[in-house]
Amino acid sequence: YTVPISVANVSRLSMVSLTLVYDPNRLRVRAVNEGSFMRSGGANASFTQQSAPGRVDITITRSADATGATGTGLLGAVLFEALSPGPVTLSISGTGTGPGGAPMGLQFRPASMTVQP
């Protein structure tokens, strides 16, 4: 299963730090990949990720950024391996800042799915 992590209708996002939490009895992370949104407009960005059973942490920062990324797009994607069938909720939380470190008001929505055998 590939689960996209998207952002919609954001204005001037320079840094985003995300935590994705899931049931490690049902899923295992195989890969965490960067999306293209934070590199929009030709900006350089650093993408770091760390995963542990039940959790993925992602930080994306546009370097020397004076404008931030605006609009809608893909921040990243997580490739999961199914371990056991049943319902799973993917919960996401995090923070974001604009140019100069101004805090952004981000809203997150959990996603639910059913792992098939």
PDB file of N, CA and C in Angstrom:
ATOM      1  N   TYR A   1       0.839  -1.176   0.000  1.00  0.00           N
ATOM      2  CA  TYR A   1       0.000   0.000   0.000  1.00  0.00           C
ATOM      3  C   TYR A   1       0.882   1.236   0.000  1.00  0.00           C
ATOM      4  N   THR A   2       0.635   2.137  -0.923  1.00  0.00           N
ATOM      5  CA  THR A   2       1.316   3.423  -0.921  1.00  0.00           C
ATOM      6  C   THR A   2       0.326   4.466  -0.440  1.00  0.00           C
ATOM      7  N   VAL A   3       0.687   5.168   0.610  1.00  0.00           N
ATOM      8  CA  VAL A   3      -0.181   6.182   1.197  1.00  0.00           C
ATOM      9  C   VAL A   3       0.437   7.554   0.937  1.00  0.00           C
ATOM     10  N   PRO A   4      -0.245   8.390   0.122  1.00  0.00           N
ATOM     11  CA  PRO A   4       0.274   9.732  -0.138  1.00  0.00           C
ATOM     12  C   PRO A   4       0.013  10.658   1.048  1.00  0.00           C
ATOM     13  N   ILE A   5       0.916  11.609   1.255  1.00  0.00           N
ATOM     14  CA  ILE A   5       0.724  12.661   2.250  1.00  0.00           C
ATOM     15  C   ILE A   5       0.714  13.974   1.478  1.00  0.00           C
ATOM     16  N   SER A   6      -0.455  14.602   1.443  1.00  0.00           N
ATOM     17  CA  SER A   6      -0.648  15.796   0.622  1.00  0.00           C
ATOM     18  C   SER A   6      -0.963  17.006   1.476  1.00  0.00           C
ATOM     19  N   VAL A   7      -0.764  18.159   0.876  1.00  0.00           N
ATOM     20  CA  VAL A   7      -1.123  19.429   1.487  1.00  0.00           C
ATOM     21  C   VAL A   7      -2.048  20.139   0.496  1.00  0.00           C
ATOM     22  N   ALA A   8      -3.039  20.860   1.026  1.00  0.00           N
ATOM     23  CA  ALA A   8      -3.987  21.560   0.155  1.00  0.00           C
ATOM     24  C   ALA A   8      -4.157  23.005   0.613  1.00  0.00           C
ATOM     25  N   ASN A   9      -4.175  23.897  -0.354  1.00  0.00           N
ATOM     26  CA  ASN A   9      -4.469  25.315  -0.121  1.00  0.00           C
ATOM     27  C   ASN A   9      -3.576  25.948   0.943  1.00  0.00           C
ATOM     28  N   VAL A  10      -2.278  25.693   0.850  1.00  0.00           N
ATOM     29  CA  VAL A  10      -1.326  26.279   1.791  1.00  0.00           C
ATOM     30  C   VAL A  10      -0.678  27.497   1.138  1.00  0.00           C
ATOM     31  N   SER A  11      -0.274  28.434   1.973  1.00  0.00           N
ATOM     32  CA  SER A  11       0.346  29.648   1.455  1.00  0.00           C
ATOM     33  C   SER A  11       1.685  29.882   2.158  1.00  0.00           C
ATOM     34  N   ARG A  12       2.763  29.908   1.376  1.00  0.00           N
ATOM     35  CA  ARG A  12       4.100  30.257   1.837  1.00  0.00           C
ATOM     36  C   ARG A  12       4.646  29.315   2.907  1.00  0.00           C
ATOM     37  N   LEU A  13       4.588  28.020   2.662  1.00  0.00           N
ATOM     38  CA  LEU A  13       5.113  27.014   3.588  1.00  0.00           C
ATOM     39  C   LEU A  13       6.602  26.813   3.330  1.00  0.00           C
ATOM     40  N   SER A  14       7.432  27.020   4.370  1.00  0.00           N
ATOM     41  CA  SER A  14       8.887  26.871   4.231  1.00  0.00           C
ATOM     42  C   SER A  14       9.419  25.621   4.908  1.00  0.00           C
ATOM     43  N   MET A  15       8.757  25.186   5.997  1.00  0.00           N
ATOM     44  CA  MET A  15       9.186  23.999   6.732  1.00  0.00           C
ATOM     45  C   MET A  15       7.959  23.283   7.249  1.00  0.00           C
ATOM     46  N   VAL A  16       7.990  21.966   7.140  1.00  0.00           N
ATOM     47  CA  VAL A  16       6.918  21.157   7.704  1.00  0.00           C
ATOM     48  C   VAL A  16       7.539  19.949   8.402  1.00  0.00           C
ATOM     49  N   SER A  17       7.031  19.662   9.591  1.00  0.00           N
ATOM     50  CA  SER A  17       7.471  18.513  10.371  1.00  0.00           C
ATOM     51  C   SER A  17       6.228  17.689  10.690  1.00  0.00           C
ATOM     52  N   LEU A  18       6.230  16.424  10.289  1.00  0.00           N
ATOM     53  CA  LEU A  18       5.048  15.568  10.405  1.00  0.00           C
ATOM     54  C   LEU A  18       5.360  14.294  11.176  1.00  0.00           C
ATOM     55  N   THR A  19       4.363  13.800  11.894  1.00  0.00           N
ATOM     56  CA  THR A  19       4.439  12.494  12.544  1.00  0.00           C
ATOM     57  C   THR A  19       3.206  11.696  12.126  1.00  0.00           C
ATOM     58  N   LEU A  20       3.438  10.533  11.542  1.00  0.00           N
ATOM     59  CA  LEU A  20       2.379   9.623  11.130  1.00  0.00           C
ATOM     60  C   LEU A  20       2.404   8.428  12.073  1.00  0.00           C
ATOM     61  N   VAL A  21       1.257   8.113  12.689  1.00  0.00           N
ATOM     62  CA  VAL A  21       1.152   7.018  13.639  1.00  0.00           C
ATOM     63  C   VAL A  21       0.178   5.985  13.083  1.00  0.00           C
ATOM     64  N   TYR A  22       0.524   4.701  13.225  1.00  0.00           N
ATOM     65  CA  TYR A  22      -0.286   3.607  12.689  1.00  0.00           C
ATOM     66  C   TYR A  22      -0.123   2.372  13.574  1.00  0.00           C
ATOM     67  N   ASP A  23      -0.909   1.341  13.309  1.00  0.00           N
ATOM     68  CA  ASP A  23      -0.859   0.100  14.081  1.00  0.00           C
ATOM     69  C   ASP A  23       0.266  -0.790  13.544  1.00  0.00           C
ATOM     70  N   PRO A  24       1.349  -0.976  14.316  1.00  0.00           N
ATOM     71  CA  PRO A  24       2.471  -1.781  13.823  1.00  0.00           C
ATOM     72  C   PRO A  24       2.160  -3.282  13.764  1.00  0.00           C
ATOM     73  N   ASN A  25       1.035  -3.696  14.325  1.00  0.00           N
ATOM     74  CA  ASN A  25       0.626  -5.097  14.210  1.00  0.00           C
ATOM     75  C   ASN A  25      -0.001  -5.389  12.854  1.00  0.00           C
ATOM     76  N   ARG A  26      -0.464  -4.327  12.165  1.00  0.00           N
ATOM     77  CA  ARG A  26      -1.116  -4.494  10.866  1.00  0.00           C
ATOM     78  C   ARG A  26      -0.225  -4.076   9.687  1.00  0.00           C
ATOM     79  N   LEU A  27       0.667  -3.104   9.926  1.00  0.00           N
ATOM     80  CA  LEU A  27       1.465  -2.543   8.835  1.00  0.00           C
ATOM     81  C   LEU A  27       2.929  -2.421   9.227  1.00  0.00           C
ATOM     82  N   ARG A  28       3.801  -2.491   8.214  1.00  0.00           N
ATOM     83  CA  ARG A  28       5.238  -2.240   8.382  1.00  0.00           C
ATOM     84  C   ARG A  28       5.658  -1.283   7.268  1.00  0.00           C
ATOM     85  N   VAL A  29       6.474  -0.288   7.618  1.00  0.00           N
ATOM     86  CA  VAL A  29       6.979   0.665   6.625  1.00  0.00           C
ATOM     87  C   VAL A  29       8.070   0.005   5.795  1.00  0.00           C
ATOM     88  N   ARG A  30       7.928   0.084   4.482  1.00  0.00           N
ATOM     89  CA  ARG A  30       8.961  -0.404   3.555  1.00  0.00           C
ATOM     90  C   ARG A  30       9.814   0.743   3.022  1.00  0.00           C
ATOM     91  N   ALA A  31       9.172   1.910   2.795  1.00  0.00           N
ATOM     92  CA  ALA A  31       9.911   3.062   2.256  1.00  0.00           C
ATOM     93  C   ALA A  31       9.140   4.341   2.541  1.00  0.00           C
ATOM     94  N   VAL A  32       9.873   5.435   2.675  1.00  0.00           N
ATOM     95  CA  VAL A  32       9.294   6.768   2.815  1.00  0.00           C
ATOM     96  C   VAL A  32       9.929   7.620   1.724  1.00  0.00           C
ATOM     97  N   ASN A  33       9.093   8.186   0.848  1.00  0.00           N
ATOM     98  CA  ASN A  33       9.604   8.923  -0.307  1.00  0.00           C
ATOM     99  C   ASN A  33       9.164  10.384  -0.275  1.00  0.00           C
ATOM    100  N   GLU A  34      10.013  11.234  -0.776  1.00  0.00           N
ATOM    101  CA  GLU A  34       9.737  12.666  -0.848  1.00  0.00           C
ATOM    102  C   GLU A  34       8.793  12.975  -1.998  1.00  0.00           C
ATOM    103  N   GLY A  35       7.878  13.905  -1.755  1.00  0.00           N
ATOM    104  CA  GLY A  35       7.024  14.433  -2.815  1.00  0.00           C
ATOM    105  C   GLY A  35       7.675  15.661  -3.431  1.00  0.00           C
ATOM    106  N   SER A  36       7.022  16.244  -4.408  1.00  0.00           N
ATOM    107  CA  SER A  36       7.607  17.362  -5.153  1.00  0.00           C
ATOM    108  C   SER A  36       7.183  18.743  -4.651  1.00  0.00           C
ATOM    109  N   PHE A  37       6.185  18.815  -3.774  1.00  0.00           N
ATOM    110  CA  PHE A  37       5.600  20.108  -3.421  1.00  0.00           C
ATOM    111  C   PHE A  37       6.602  21.107  -2.844  1.00  0.00           C
ATOM    112  N   MET A  38       7.413  20.697  -1.898  1.00  0.00           N
ATOM    113  CA  MET A  38       8.311  21.650  -1.238  1.00  0.00           C
ATOM    114  C   MET A  38       9.470  22.090  -2.143  1.00  0.00           C
ATOM    115  N   ARG A  39       9.652  21.430  -3.284  1.00  0.00           N
ATOM    116  CA  ARG A  39      10.667  21.850  -4.252  1.00  0.00           C
ATOM    117  C   ARG A  39      10.063  22.687  -5.384  1.00  0.00           C
ATOM    118  N   SER A  40       8.782  23.024  -5.257  1.00  0.00           N
ATOM    119  CA  SER A  40       8.114  23.794  -6.311  1.00  0.00           C
ATOM    120  C   SER A  40       8.815  25.134  -6.518  1.00  0.00           C
ATOM    121  N   GLY A  41       8.778  25.604  -7.739  1.00  0.00           N
ATOM    122  CA  GLY A  41       9.450  26.845  -8.083  1.00  0.00           C
ATOM    123  C   GLY A  41      10.955  26.711  -8.164  1.00  0.00           C
ATOM    124  N   GLY A  42      11.467  25.462  -8.183  1.00  0.00           N
ATOM    125  CA  GLY A  42      12.901  25.229  -8.290  1.00  0.00           C
ATOM    126  C   GLY A  42      13.666  25.376  -6.985  1.00  0.00           C
ATOM    127  N   ALA A  43      12.958  25.440  -5.859  1.00  0.00           N
ATOM    128  CA  ALA A  43      13.617  25.611  -4.563  1.00  0.00           C
ATOM    129  C   ALA A  43      14.368  24.349  -4.155  1.00  0.00           C
ATOM    130  N   ASN A  44      15.464  24.540  -3.423  1.00  0.00           N
ATOM    131  CA  ASN A  44      16.163  23.417  -2.803  1.00  0.00           C
ATOM    132  C   ASN A  44      15.452  23.086  -1.507  1.00  0.00           C
ATOM    133  N   ALA A  45      15.357  21.800  -1.203  1.00  0.00           N
ATOM    134  CA  ALA A  45      14.710  21.385   0.045  1.00  0.00           C
ATOM    135  C   ALA A  45      15.445  20.184   0.614  1.00  0.00           C
ATOM    136  N   SER A  46      15.485  20.111   1.943  1.00  0.00           N
ATOM    137  CA  SER A  46      16.044  18.922   2.586  1.00  0.00           C
ATOM    138  C   SER A  46      14.874  18.084   3.097  1.00  0.00           C
ATOM    139  N   PHE A  47      14.975  16.781   2.874  1.00  0.00           N
ATOM    140  CA  PHE A  47      13.938  15.826   3.272  1.00  0.00           C
ATOM    141  C   PHE A  47      14.590  14.817   4.198  1.00  0.00           C
ATOM    142  N   THR A  48      14.113  14.744   5.435  1.00  0.00           N
ATOM    143  CA  THR A  48      14.614  13.736   6.361  1.00  0.00           C
ATOM    144  C   THR A  48      13.439  12.930   6.883  1.00  0.00           C
ATOM    145  N   GLN A  49      13.692  11.663   7.090  1.00  0.00           N
ATOM    146  CA  GLN A  49      12.647  10.794   7.623  1.00  0.00           C
ATOM    147  C   GLN A  49      13.264   9.782   8.556  1.00  0.00           C
ATOM    148  N   GLN A  50      12.475   9.378   9.513  1.00  0.00           N
ATOM    149  CA  GLN A  50      12.893   8.352  10.453  1.00  0.00           C
ATOM    150  C   GLN A  50      11.660   7.519  10.760  1.00  0.00           C
ATOM    151  N   SER A  51      11.815   6.210  10.721  1.00  0.00           N
ATOM    152  CA  SER A  51      10.667   5.360  11.025  1.00  0.00           C
ATOM    153  C   SER A  51      11.032   4.347  12.093  1.00  0.00           C
ATOM    154  N   ALA A  52      10.030   4.041  12.895  1.00  0.00           N
ATOM    155  CA  ALA A  52      10.099   3.022  13.932  1.00  0.00           C
ATOM    156  C   ALA A  52       8.754   2.316  13.905  1.00  0.00           C
ATOM    157  N   PRO A  53       8.644   1.120  14.445  1.00  0.00           N
ATOM    158  CA  PRO A  53       7.347   0.445  14.420  1.00  0.00           C
ATOM    159  C   PRO A  53       6.234   1.337  14.988  1.00  0.00           C
ATOM    160  N   GLY A  54       5.223   1.589  14.158  1.00  0.00           N
ATOM    161  CA  GLY A  54       4.079   2.388  14.576  1.00  0.00           C
ATOM    162  C   GLY A  54       4.198   3.872  14.361  1.00  0.00           C
ATOM    163  N   ARG A  55       5.342   4.333  13.790  1.00  0.00           N
ATOM    164  CA  ARG A  55       5.551   5.780  13.681  1.00  0.00           C
ATOM    165  C   ARG A  55       6.512   6.125  12.545  1.00  0.00           C
ATOM    166  N   VAL A  56       6.194   7.210  11.831  1.00  0.00           N
ATOM    167  CA  VAL A  56       7.084   7.779  10.818  1.00  0.00           C
ATOM    168  C   VAL A  56       7.174   9.274  11.094  1.00  0.00           C
ATOM    169  N   ASP A  57       8.398   9.802  11.175  1.00  0.00           N
ATOM    170  CA  ASP A  57       8.627  11.236  11.335  1.00  0.00           C
ATOM    171  C   ASP A  57       9.276  11.766  10.063  1.00  0.00           C
ATOM    172  N   ILE A  58       8.731  12.870   9.556  1.00  0.00           N
ATOM    173  CA  ILE A  58       9.229  13.488   8.321  1.00  0.00           C
ATOM    174  C   ILE A  58       9.424  14.971   8.567  1.00  0.00           C
ATOM    175  N   THR A  59      10.558  15.507   8.109  1.00  0.00           N
ATOM    176  CA  THR A  59      10.785  16.953   8.132  1.00  0.00           C
ATOM    177  C   THR A  59      11.267  17.370   6.748  1.00  0.00           C
ATOM    178  N   ILE A  60      10.629  18.409   6.220  1.00  0.00           N
ATOM    179  CA  ILE A  60      11.027  18.960   4.922  1.00  0.00           C
ATOM    180  C   ILE A  60      11.235  20.458   5.113  1.00  0.00           C
ATOM    181  N   THR A  61      12.416  20.935   4.719  1.00  0.00           N
ATOM    182  CA  THR A  61      12.749  22.346   4.877  1.00  0.00           C
ATOM    183  C   THR A  61      13.281  22.897   3.564  1.00  0.00           C
ATOM    184  N   ARG A  62      12.690  24.004   3.122  1.00  0.00           N
ATOM    185  CA  ARG A  62      13.216  24.721   1.955  1.00  0.00           C
ATOM    186  C   ARG A  62      14.388  25.572   2.430  1.00  0.00           C
ATOM    187  N   SER A  63      15.574  25.405   1.803  1.00  0.00           N
ATOM    188  CA  SER A  63      16.758  26.133   2.245  1.00  0.00           C
ATOM    189  C   SER A  63      16.769  27.552   1.696  1.00  0.00           C
ATOM    190  N   ALA A  64      17.239  28.479   2.539  1.00  0.00           N
ATOM    191  CA  ALA A  64      17.376  29.893   2.166  1.00  0.00           C
ATOM    192  C   ALA A  64      16.129  30.377   1.443  1.00  0.00           C
ATOM    193  N   ASP A  65      14.978  30.120   2.049  1.00  0.00           N
ATOM    194  CA  ASP A  65      13.700  30.373   1.380  1.00  0.00           C
ATOM    195  C   ASP A  65      13.092  31.700   1.820  1.00  0.00           C
ATOM    196  N   ALA A  66      12.763  32.548   0.856  1.00  0.00           N
ATOM    197  CA  ALA A  66      12.133  33.824   1.162  1.00  0.00           C
ATOM    198  C   ALA A  66      10.672  33.857   0.724  1.00  0.00           C
ATOM    199  N   THR A  67      10.221  32.829  -0.006  1.00  0.00           N
ATOM    200  CA  THR A  67       8.857  32.871  -0.528  1.00  0.00           C
ATOM    201  C   THR A  67       7.954  31.754  -0.013  1.00  0.00           C
ATOM    202  N   GLY A  68       8.478  30.578   0.242  1.00  0.00           N
ATOM    203  CA  GLY A  68       7.658  29.443   0.666  1.00  0.00           C
ATOM    204  C   GLY A  68       6.920  28.819  -0.501  1.00  0.00           C
ATOM    205  N   ALA A  69       6.402  27.616  -0.284  1.00  0.00           N
ATOM    206  CA  ALA A  69       5.630  26.899  -1.301  1.00  0.00           C
ATOM    207  C   ALA A  69       4.153  27.199  -1.093  1.00  0.00           C
ATOM    208  N   THR A  70       3.459  27.445  -2.185  1.00  0.00           N
ATOM    209  CA  THR A  70       2.045  27.818  -2.128  1.00  0.00           C
ATOM    210  C   THR A  70       1.234  26.907  -3.038  1.00  0.00           C
ATOM    211  N   GLY A  71       0.043  26.528  -2.557  1.00  0.00           N
ATOM    212  CA  GLY A  71      -0.871  25.746  -3.391  1.00  0.00           C
ATOM    213  C   GLY A  71      -1.201  24.396  -2.790  1.00  0.00           C
ATOM    214  N   THR A  72      -1.288  23.395  -3.664  1.00  0.00           N
ATOM    215  CA  THR A  72      -1.676  22.039  -3.294  1.00  0.00           C
ATOM    216  C   THR A  72      -0.684  21.074  -3.917  1.00  0.00           C
ATOM    217  N   GLY A  73      -0.275  20.046  -3.172  1.00  0.00           N
ATOM    218  CA  GLY A  73       0.655  19.086  -3.753  1.00  0.00           C
ATOM    219  C   GLY A  73       1.033  17.972  -2.808  1.00  0.00           C
ATOM    220  N   LEU A  74       1.958  17.147  -3.263  1.00  0.00           N
ATOM    221  CA  LEU A  74       2.393  15.953  -2.546  1.00  0.00           C
ATOM    222  C   LEU A  74       3.634  16.255  -1.708  1.00  0.00           C
ATOM    223  N   LEU A  75       3.531  16.071  -0.389  1.00  0.00           N
ATOM    224  CA  LEU A  75       4.680  16.235   0.503  1.00  0.00           C
ATOM    225  C   LEU A  75       5.540  14.981   0.506  1.00  0.00           C
ATOM    226  N   GLY A  76       4.897  13.813   0.462  1.00  0.00           N
ATOM    227  CA  GLY A  76       5.618  12.554   0.491  1.00  0.00           C
ATOM    228  C   GLY A  76       4.667  11.389   0.355  1.00  0.00           C
ATOM    229  N   ALA A  77       5.221  10.190   0.405  1.00  0.00           N
ATOM    230  CA  ALA A  77       4.412   8.976   0.337  1.00  0.00           C
ATOM    231  C   ALA A  77       5.092   7.897   1.170  1.00  0.00           C
ATOM    232  N   VAL A  78       4.278   7.087   1.835  1.00  0.00           N
ATOM    233  CA  VAL A  78       4.791   5.999   2.660  1.00  0.00           C
ATOM    234  C   VAL A  78       4.318   4.680   2.054  1.00  0.00           C
ATOM    235  N   LEU A  79       5.269   3.810   1.776  1.00  0.00           N
ATOM    236  CA  LEU A  79       4.960   2.480   1.253  1.00  0.00           C
ATOM    237  C   LEU A  79       4.901   1.517   2.431  1.00  0.00           C
ATOM    238  N   PHE A  80       3.722   0.925   2.634  1.00  0.00           N
ATOM    239  CA  PHE A  80       3.514  -0.020   3.729  1.00  0.00           C
ATOM    240  C   PHE A  80       3.423  -1.441   3.208  1.00  0.00           C
ATOM    241  N   GLU A  81       3.859  -2.375   4.038  1.00  0.00           N
ATOM    242  CA  GLU A  81       3.663  -3.802   3.814  1.00  0.00           C
ATOM    243  C   GLU A  81       2.571  -4.253   4.776  1.00  0.00           C
ATOM    244  N   ALA A  82       1.588  -5.010   4.256  1.00  0.00           N
ATOM    245  CA  ALA A  82       0.513  -5.531   5.094  1.00  0.00           C
ATOM    246  C   ALA A  82       1.033  -6.702   5.929  1.00  0.00           C
ATOM    247  N   LEU A  83       0.740  -6.679   7.235  1.00  0.00           N
ATOM    248  CA  LEU A  83       1.150  -7.752   8.124  1.00  0.00           C
ATOM    249  C   LEU A  83      -0.024  -8.639   8.534  1.00  0.00           C
ATOM    250  N   SER A  84      -1.169  -8.018   8.829  1.00  0.00           N
ATOM    251  CA  SER A  84      -2.350  -8.788   9.210  1.00  0.00           C
ATOM    252  C   SER A  84      -3.600  -8.013   8.811  1.00  0.00           C
ATOM    253  N   PRO A  85      -4.668  -8.729   8.447  1.00  0.00           N
ATOM    254  CA  PRO A  85      -5.878  -8.066   7.988  1.00  0.00           C
ATOM    255  C   PRO A  85      -6.629  -7.371   9.123  1.00  0.00           C
ATOM    256  N   GLY A  86      -7.363  -6.337   8.748  1.00  0.00           N
ATOM    257  CA  GLY A  86      -8.201  -5.628   9.706  1.00  0.00           C
ATOM    258  C   GLY A  86      -8.152  -4.126   9.502  1.00  0.00           C
ATOM    259  N   PRO A  87      -8.944  -3.396  10.285  1.00  0.00           N
ATOM    260  CA  PRO A  87      -9.003  -1.935  10.144  1.00  0.00           C
ATOM    261  C   PRO A  87      -7.763  -1.253  10.713  1.00  0.00           C
ATOM    262  N   VAL A  88      -7.366  -0.161  10.075  1.00  0.00           N
ATOM    263  CA  VAL A  88      -6.218   0.633  10.519  1.00  0.00           C
ATOM    264  C   VAL A  88      -6.565   2.108  10.365  1.00  0.00           C
ATOM    265  N   THR A  89      -6.191   2.896  11.364  1.00  0.00           N
ATOM    266  CA  THR A  89      -6.304   4.347  11.261  1.00  0.00           C
ATOM    267  C   THR A  89      -4.901   4.920  11.210  1.00  0.00           C
ATOM    268  N   LEU A  90      -4.671   5.774  10.224  1.00  0.00           N
ATOM    269  CA  LEU A  90      -3.403   6.500  10.102  1.00  0.00           C
ATOM    270  C   LEU A  90      -3.657   7.904  10.639  1.00  0.00           C
ATOM    271  N   SER A  91      -2.996   8.249  11.730  1.00  0.00           N
ATOM    272  CA  SER A  91      -3.165   9.571  12.331  1.00  0.00           C
ATOM    273  C   SER A  91      -1.915  10.391  12.047  1.00  0.00           C
ATOM    274  N   ILE A  92      -2.131  11.659  11.690  1.00  0.00           N
ATOM    275  CA  ILE A  92      -1.003  12.523  11.362  1.00  0.00           C
ATOM    276  C   ILE A  92      -1.107  13.807  12.173  1.00  0.00           C
ATOM    277  N   SER A  93       0.053  14.290  12.618  1.00  0.00           N
ATOM    278  CA  SER A  93       0.123  15.557  13.343  1.00  0.00           C
ATOM    279  C   SER A  93       1.400  16.254  12.905  1.00  0.00           C
ATOM    280  N   GLY A  94       1.526  17.523  13.245  1.00  0.00           N
ATOM    281  CA  GLY A  94       2.750  18.210  12.879  1.00  0.00           C
ATOM    282  C   GLY A  94       2.639  19.712  12.984  1.00  0.00           C
ATOM    283  N   THR A  95       3.696  20.357  12.515  1.00  0.00           N
ATOM    284  CA  THR A  95       3.769  21.814  12.526  1.00  0.00           C
ATOM    285  C   THR A  95       4.365  22.287  11.207  1.00  0.00           C
ATOM    286  N   GLY A  96       4.131  23.535  10.916  1.00  0.00           N
ATOM    287  CA  GLY A  96       4.706  24.143   9.730  1.00  0.00           C
ATOM    288  C   GLY A  96       5.042  25.596   9.997  1.00  0.00           C
ATOM    289  N   THR A  97       6.018  26.106   9.257  1.00  0.00           N
ATOM    290  CA  THR A  97       6.369  27.517   9.374  1.00  0.00           C
ATOM    291  C   THR A  97       6.529  28.119   7.986  1.00  0.00           C
ATOM    292  N   GLY A  98       6.351  29.415   7.933  1.00  0.00           N
ATOM    293  CA  GLY A  98       6.570  30.166   6.713  1.00  0.00           C
ATOM    294  C   GLY A  98       7.958  30.776   6.727  1.00  0.00           C
ATOM    295  N   PRO A  99       8.263  31.617   5.724  1.00  0.00           N
ATOM    296  CA  PRO A  99       9.560  32.282   5.692  1.00  0.00           C
ATOM    297  C   PRO A  99       9.798  33.071   6.985  1.00  0.00           C
ATOM    298  N   GLY A 100      11.007  32.994   7.506  1.00  0.00           N
ATOM    299  CA  GLY A 100      11.332  33.686   8.739  1.00  0.00           C
ATOM    300  C   GLY A 100      10.852  32.979   9.993  1.00  0.00           C
ATOM    301  N   GLY A 101      10.278  31.781   9.847  1.00  0.00           N
ATOM    302  CA  GLY A 101       9.850  31.009  11.013  1.00  0.00           C
ATOM    303  C   GLY A 101       8.459  31.314  11.523  1.00  0.00           C
ATOM    304  N   ALA A 102       7.667  32.080  10.765  1.00  0.00           N
ATOM    305  CA  ALA A 102       6.299  32.392  11.201  1.00  0.00           C
ATOM    306  C   ALA A 102       5.466  31.113  11.268  1.00  0.00           C
ATOM    307  N   PRO A 103       4.812  30.824  12.419  1.00  0.00           N
ATOM    308  CA  PRO A 103       4.027  29.599  12.548  1.00  0.00           C
ATOM    309  C   PRO A 103       2.832  29.589  11.601  1.00  0.00           C
ATOM    310  N   MET A 104       2.545  28.403  11.070  1.00  0.00           N
ATOM    311  CA  MET A 104       1.407  28.218  10.159  1.00  0.00           C
ATOM    312  C   MET A 104       0.340  27.415  10.887  1.00  0.00           C
ATOM    313  N   GLY A 105      -0.896  27.727  10.659  1.00  0.00           N
ATOM    314  CA  GLY A 105      -2.009  26.962  11.228  1.00  0.00           C
ATOM    315  C   GLY A 105      -2.369  25.819  10.294  1.00  0.00           C
ATOM    316  N   LEU A 106      -1.848  24.632  10.558  1.00  0.00           N
ATOM    317  CA  LEU A 106      -2.131  23.465   9.720  1.00  0.00           C
ATOM    318  C   LEU A 106      -3.206  22.605  10.359  1.00  0.00           C
ATOM    319  N   GLN A 107      -4.066  22.027   9.531  1.00  0.00           N
ATOM    320  CA  GLN A 107      -5.086  21.099  10.001  1.00  0.00           C
ATOM    321  C   GLN A 107      -4.798  19.739   9.392  1.00  0.00           C
ATOM    322  N   PHE A 108      -4.970  18.684  10.189  1.00  0.00           N
ATOM    323  CA  PHE A 108      -4.667  17.330   9.741  1.00  0.00           C
ATOM    324  C   PHE A 108      -5.919  16.470   9.845  1.00  0.00           C
ATOM    325  N   ARG A 109      -6.045  15.518   8.920  1.00  0.00           N
ATOM    326  CA  ARG A 109      -7.169  14.587   8.934  1.00  0.00           C
ATOM    327  C   ARG A 109      -6.637  13.163   8.957  1.00  0.00           C
ATOM    328  N   PRO A 110      -7.169  12.339   9.877  1.00  0.00           N
ATOM    329  CA  PRO A 110      -6.761  10.922   9.881  1.00  0.00           C
ATOM    330  C   PRO A 110      -7.353  10.196   8.678  1.00  0.00           C
ATOM    331  N   ALA A 111      -6.747   9.097   8.318  1.00  0.00           N
ATOM    332  CA  ALA A 111      -7.260   8.260   7.232  1.00  0.00           C
ATOM    333  C   ALA A 111      -7.485   6.852   7.778  1.00  0.00           C
ATOM    334  N   SER A 112      -8.591   6.256   7.379  1.00  0.00           N
ATOM    335  CA  SER A 112      -8.890   4.889   7.804  1.00  0.00           C
ATOM    336  C   SER A 112      -8.895   3.990   6.595  1.00  0.00           C
ATOM    337  N   MET A 113      -8.433   2.752   6.798  1.00  0.00           N
ATOM    338  CA  MET A 113      -8.433   1.772   5.715  1.00  0.00           C
ATOM    339  C   MET A 113      -8.534   0.382   6.320  1.00  0.00           C
ATOM    340  N   THR A 114      -8.785  -0.590   5.470  1.00  0.00           N
ATOM    341  CA  THR A 114      -8.847  -1.964   5.905  1.00  0.00           C
ATOM    342  C   THR A 114      -7.755  -2.750   5.187  1.00  0.00           C
ATOM    343  N   VAL A 115      -6.894  -3.374   5.949  1.00  0.00           N
ATOM    344  CA  VAL A 115      -5.829  -4.210   5.388  1.00  0.00           C
ATOM    345  C   VAL A 115      -6.441  -5.529   4.965  1.00  0.00           C
ATOM    346  N   GLN A 116      -6.206  -5.898   3.715  1.00  0.00           N
ATOM    347  CA  GLN A 116      -6.736  -7.147   3.169  1.00  0.00           C
ATOM    348  C   GLN A 116      -5.671  -8.237   3.255  1.00  0.00           C
ATOM    349  N   PRO A 117      -6.114  -9.492   3.454  1.00  0.00           N
ATOM    350  CA  PRO A 117      -5.128 -10.599   3.516  1.00  0.00           C
ATOM    351  C   PRO A 117      -4.466 -10.846   2.181  1.00  0.00           C
TER     352      PRO A 117
END
